[in-house]
Amino acid sequence: MQKPLRQPVASVENDSLTSAELKAEMIELQMSMAHLELTVERLDQVITRQDKDLQTMQRQLQLIYNQVENQQGENGIAPFDVMADKPPHY
């Protein structure tokens, strides 16, 4: 869950920040950046895994297509014709 963005400590009217406020702001920014880097890294891992899965499925589908084509050619199976192969209840 992403935290809502918050307004910076300094406002337009008050540009003077104490050292402690600056350090707190810097720490918060560093934590936010670390969180974003971790999120990007995780998303990259997911995309990489999904790409590998997709490539595997594409190869499997191609093998299935090849098997179906070979079976149709060997057995002399005619393609399905809607008009010629009407079920009896029509």
N, C-alpha and C. Protein backbone atom coordinates (compact mmCIF):
# COMPACT_ATOMS: atom_id res chain seq x y z
N MET A 1 0.83 -1.17 0.00
CA MET A 1 0.00 0.00 0.00
C MET A 1 0.88 1.24 0.00
N GLN A 2 0.55 2.16 -0.88
CA GLN A 2 1.37 3.35 -0.99
C GLN A 2 0.87 4.43 -0.05
N LYS A 3 1.82 5.07 0.63
CA LYS A 3 1.45 6.16 1.51
C LYS A 3 1.08 7.38 0.66
N PRO A 4 0.10 8.15 1.13
CA PRO A 4 -0.23 9.36 0.37
C PRO A 4 0.93 10.34 0.45
N LEU A 5 1.10 11.10 -0.63
CA LEU A 5 2.16 12.09 -0.64
C LEU A 5 1.83 13.18 0.36
N ARG A 6 2.84 13.63 1.04
CA ARG A 6 2.60 14.68 2.02
C ARG A 6 3.31 15.94 1.57
N GLN A 7 2.87 17.02 2.08
CA GLN A 7 3.45 18.30 1.73
C GLN A 7 4.83 18.43 2.40
N PRO A 8 5.77 19.08 1.73
CA PRO A 8 7.08 19.30 2.35
C PRO A 8 6.96 20.11 3.64
N VAL A 9 7.95 19.96 4.48
CA VAL A 9 7.94 20.66 5.77
C VAL A 9 7.93 22.16 5.56
N ALA A 10 8.71 22.62 4.60
CA ALA A 10 8.80 24.06 4.38
C ALA A 10 7.59 24.55 3.60
N SER A 11 7.04 25.65 4.01
CA SER A 11 5.94 26.25 3.28
C SER A 11 6.48 27.45 2.51
N VAL A 12 5.66 28.00 1.65
CA VAL A 12 6.10 29.14 0.86
C VAL A 12 6.41 30.33 1.76
N GLU A 13 5.59 30.49 2.79
CA GLU A 13 5.78 31.64 3.67
C GLU A 13 6.99 31.46 4.60
N ASN A 14 7.30 30.22 4.98
CA ASN A 14 8.34 29.97 5.97
C ASN A 14 9.42 29.09 5.35
N ASP A 15 10.44 29.71 4.72
CA ASP A 15 11.49 28.96 4.06
C ASP A 15 12.63 28.58 5.00
N SER A 16 12.59 28.99 6.22
CA SER A 16 13.68 28.68 7.15
C SER A 16 13.34 27.41 7.93
N LEU A 17 14.17 26.40 7.73
CA LEU A 17 14.00 25.13 8.44
C LEU A 17 15.16 24.93 9.40
N THR A 18 14.85 24.31 10.49
CA THR A 18 15.92 24.00 11.43
C THR A 18 16.70 22.80 10.92
N SER A 19 17.82 22.59 11.48
CA SER A 19 18.67 21.47 11.09
C SER A 19 17.95 20.14 11.35
N ALA A 20 17.25 20.04 12.45
CA ALA A 20 16.53 18.81 12.78
C ALA A 20 15.42 18.55 11.77
N GLU A 21 14.73 19.60 11.34
CA GLU A 21 13.66 19.43 10.35
C GLU A 21 14.23 18.99 9.00
N LEU A 22 15.37 19.57 8.63
CA LEU A 22 16.01 19.17 7.38
C LEU A 22 16.45 17.71 7.42
N LYS A 23 17.02 17.30 8.55
CA LYS A 23 17.44 15.90 8.69
C LYS A 23 16.25 14.96 8.63
N ALA A 24 15.16 15.34 9.29
CA ALA A 24 13.95 14.51 9.27
C ALA A 24 13.40 14.40 7.85
N GLU A 25 13.39 15.51 7.15
CA GLU A 25 12.91 15.51 5.76
C GLU A 25 13.81 14.65 4.88
N MET A 26 15.11 14.76 5.07
CA MET A 26 16.07 13.97 4.28
C MET A 26 15.88 12.47 4.56
N ILE A 27 15.71 12.10 5.81
CA ILE A 27 15.51 10.70 6.16
C ILE A 27 14.22 10.17 5.54
N GLU A 28 13.19 10.96 5.58
CA GLU A 28 11.91 10.54 4.99
C GLU A 28 12.05 10.35 3.48
N LEU A 29 12.74 11.26 2.82
CA LEU A 29 12.96 11.14 1.38
C LEU A 29 13.80 9.90 1.04
N GLN A 30 14.81 9.63 1.84
CA GLN A 30 15.64 8.46 1.62
C GLN A 30 14.84 7.17 1.80
N MET A 31 13.98 7.15 2.81
CA MET A 31 13.15 5.97 3.05
C MET A 31 12.16 5.77 1.89
N SER A 32 11.60 6.86 1.43
CA SER A 32 10.66 6.78 0.31
C SER A 32 11.37 6.29 -0.95
N MET A 33 12.56 6.77 -1.18
CA MET A 33 13.33 6.34 -2.35
C MET A 33 13.71 4.86 -2.24
N ALA A 34 14.09 4.41 -1.08
CA ALA A 34 14.43 3.00 -0.89
C ALA A 34 13.21 2.12 -1.14
N HIS A 35 12.06 2.57 -0.66
CA HIS A 35 10.82 1.82 -0.89
C HIS A 35 10.51 1.73 -2.39
N LEU A 36 10.65 2.84 -3.10
CA LEU A 36 10.39 2.85 -4.54
C LEU A 36 11.38 1.97 -5.30
N GLU A 37 12.64 1.98 -4.90
CA GLU A 37 13.64 1.13 -5.55
C GLU A 37 13.29 -0.35 -5.35
N LEU A 38 12.87 -0.70 -4.15
CA LEU A 38 12.48 -2.08 -3.87
C LEU A 38 11.26 -2.48 -4.71
N THR A 39 10.30 -1.58 -4.82
CA THR A 39 9.11 -1.85 -5.62
C THR A 39 9.47 -2.05 -7.09
N VAL A 40 10.33 -1.22 -7.62
CA VAL A 40 10.76 -1.36 -9.02
C VAL A 40 11.49 -2.68 -9.22
N GLU A 41 12.32 -3.05 -8.28
CA GLU A 41 13.05 -4.32 -8.38
C GLU A 41 12.09 -5.51 -8.39
N ARG A 42 11.09 -5.48 -7.51
CA ARG A 42 10.10 -6.56 -7.46
C ARG A 42 9.29 -6.62 -8.75
N LEU A 43 8.89 -5.47 -9.26
CA LEU A 43 8.13 -5.45 -10.51
C LEU A 43 8.97 -5.98 -11.67
N ASP A 44 10.23 -5.66 -11.69
CA ASP A 44 11.13 -6.18 -12.72
C ASP A 44 11.20 -7.70 -12.66
N GLN A 45 11.27 -8.25 -11.46
CA GLN A 45 11.30 -9.71 -11.31
C GLN A 45 10.00 -10.34 -11.81
N VAL A 46 8.88 -9.71 -11.52
CA VAL A 46 7.59 -10.23 -11.97
C VAL A 46 7.51 -10.20 -13.49
N ILE A 47 7.93 -9.10 -14.09
CA ILE A 47 7.89 -8.98 -15.55
C ILE A 47 8.80 -10.01 -16.19
N THR A 48 9.97 -10.22 -15.64
CA THR A 48 10.90 -11.21 -16.18
C THR A 48 10.29 -12.61 -16.11
N ARG A 49 9.68 -12.96 -14.98
CA ARG A 49 9.05 -14.27 -14.84
C ARG A 49 7.89 -14.43 -15.81
N GLN A 50 7.08 -13.40 -15.94
CA GLN A 50 5.94 -13.47 -16.85
C GLN A 50 6.39 -13.60 -18.30
N ASP A 51 7.47 -12.94 -18.66
CA ASP A 51 8.00 -13.05 -20.01
C ASP A 51 8.45 -14.48 -20.30
N LYS A 52 9.14 -15.10 -19.34
CA LYS A 52 9.57 -16.49 -19.52
C LYS A 52 8.36 -17.42 -19.64
N ASP A 53 7.34 -17.19 -18.79
CA ASP A 53 6.13 -18.01 -18.86
C ASP A 53 5.43 -17.85 -20.21
N LEU A 54 5.36 -16.64 -20.70
CA LEU A 54 4.72 -16.38 -21.98
C LEU A 54 5.48 -17.07 -23.12
N GLN A 55 6.79 -17.01 -23.10
CA GLN A 55 7.58 -17.67 -24.13
C GLN A 55 7.37 -19.19 -24.10
N THR A 56 7.31 -19.76 -22.89
CA THR A 56 7.06 -21.19 -22.74
C THR A 56 5.70 -21.56 -23.30
N MET A 57 4.68 -20.77 -22.98
CA MET A 57 3.33 -21.06 -23.47
C MET A 57 3.25 -20.92 -25.00
N GLN A 58 3.97 -19.97 -25.56
CA GLN A 58 3.97 -19.81 -27.01
C GLN A 58 4.60 -21.03 -27.69
N ARG A 59 5.68 -21.55 -27.11
CA ARG A 59 6.31 -22.76 -27.67
C ARG A 59 5.37 -23.95 -27.56
N GLN A 60 4.69 -24.08 -26.41
CA GLN A 60 3.75 -25.18 -26.23
C GLN A 60 2.59 -25.09 -27.21
N LEU A 61 2.08 -23.91 -27.43
CA LEU A 61 0.98 -23.72 -28.37
C LEU A 61 1.42 -24.06 -29.79
N GLN A 62 2.63 -23.68 -30.15
CA GLN A 62 3.14 -24.01 -31.48
C GLN A 62 3.26 -25.52 -31.64
N LEU A 63 3.70 -26.22 -30.61
CA LEU A 63 3.78 -27.69 -30.68
C LEU A 63 2.39 -28.30 -30.85
N ILE A 64 1.42 -27.76 -30.15
CA ILE A 64 0.04 -28.26 -30.28
C ILE A 64 -0.47 -28.04 -31.69
N TYR A 65 -0.23 -26.86 -32.25
CA TYR A 65 -0.64 -26.58 -33.63
C TYR A 65 0.01 -27.57 -34.59
N ASN A 66 1.29 -27.82 -34.40
CA ASN A 66 1.99 -28.77 -35.28
C ASN A 66 1.41 -30.17 -35.15
N GLN A 67 1.09 -30.61 -33.94
CA GLN A 67 0.50 -31.93 -33.75
C GLN A 67 -0.86 -32.04 -34.41
N VAL A 68 -1.68 -31.01 -34.28
CA VAL A 68 -3.00 -31.02 -34.90
C VAL A 68 -2.87 -31.07 -36.42
N GLU A 69 -1.98 -30.29 -36.98
CA GLU A 69 -1.78 -30.30 -38.43
C GLU A 69 -1.31 -31.67 -38.91
N ASN A 70 -0.40 -32.29 -38.16
CA ASN A 70 0.11 -33.61 -38.55
C ASN A 70 -0.99 -34.67 -38.45
N GLN A 71 -1.82 -34.61 -37.44
CA GLN A 71 -2.90 -35.58 -37.28
C GLN A 71 -3.93 -35.42 -38.40
N GLN A 72 -4.25 -34.21 -38.76
CA GLN A 72 -5.23 -33.99 -39.83
C GLN A 72 -4.70 -34.50 -41.16
N GLY A 73 -3.44 -34.30 -41.40
CA GLY A 73 -2.84 -34.75 -42.66
C GLY A 73 -2.73 -36.27 -42.73
N GLU A 74 -2.41 -36.91 -41.64
CA GLU A 74 -2.20 -38.36 -41.61
C GLU A 74 -3.52 -39.12 -41.65
N ASN A 75 -4.50 -38.69 -40.92
CA ASN A 75 -5.76 -39.42 -40.80
C ASN A 75 -6.79 -39.00 -41.83
N GLY A 76 -6.51 -38.01 -42.61
CA GLY A 76 -7.46 -37.55 -43.60
C GLY A 76 -8.70 -36.94 -42.98
N ILE A 77 -8.57 -36.33 -41.84
CA ILE A 77 -9.71 -35.72 -41.16
C ILE A 77 -10.07 -34.43 -41.89
N ALA A 78 -11.32 -34.36 -42.29
CA ALA A 78 -11.78 -33.17 -42.99
C ALA A 78 -12.08 -32.07 -41.99
N PRO A 79 -11.92 -30.82 -42.40
CA PRO A 79 -12.27 -29.73 -41.50
C PRO A 79 -13.77 -29.73 -41.22
N PHE A 80 -14.14 -29.21 -40.09
CA PHE A 80 -15.54 -29.17 -39.68
C PHE A 80 -16.31 -28.21 -40.59
N ASP A 81 -17.42 -28.68 -41.13
CA ASP A 81 -18.28 -27.86 -41.99
C ASP A 81 -19.61 -27.69 -41.27
N VAL A 82 -19.97 -26.47 -40.96
CA VAL A 82 -21.17 -26.19 -40.18
C VAL A 82 -22.42 -26.67 -40.90
N MET A 83 -22.51 -26.45 -42.17
CA MET A 83 -23.72 -26.81 -42.92
C MET A 83 -23.84 -28.33 -43.09
N ALA A 84 -22.73 -29.00 -43.35
CA ALA A 84 -22.76 -30.45 -43.58
C ALA A 84 -22.88 -31.23 -42.28
N ASP A 85 -22.39 -30.69 -41.21
CA ASP A 85 -22.35 -31.42 -39.94
C ASP A 85 -23.35 -30.86 -38.93
N LYS A 86 -24.56 -30.55 -39.39
CA LYS A 86 -25.59 -30.05 -38.46
C LYS A 86 -26.01 -31.16 -37.50
N PRO A 87 -26.18 -30.80 -36.24
CA PRO A 87 -26.70 -31.79 -35.30
C PRO A 87 -28.13 -32.17 -35.68
N PRO A 88 -28.59 -33.35 -35.29
CA PRO A 88 -29.91 -33.83 -35.71
C PRO A 88 -31.08 -32.99 -35.20
N HIS A 89 -30.89 -32.23 -34.13
CA HIS A 89 -32.01 -31.48 -33.58
C HIS A 89 -32.29 -30.19 -34.35
N TYR A 90 -31.57 -29.90 -35.43
CA TYR A 90 -31.81 -28.70 -36.24
C TYR A 90 -32.67 -29.03 -37.42
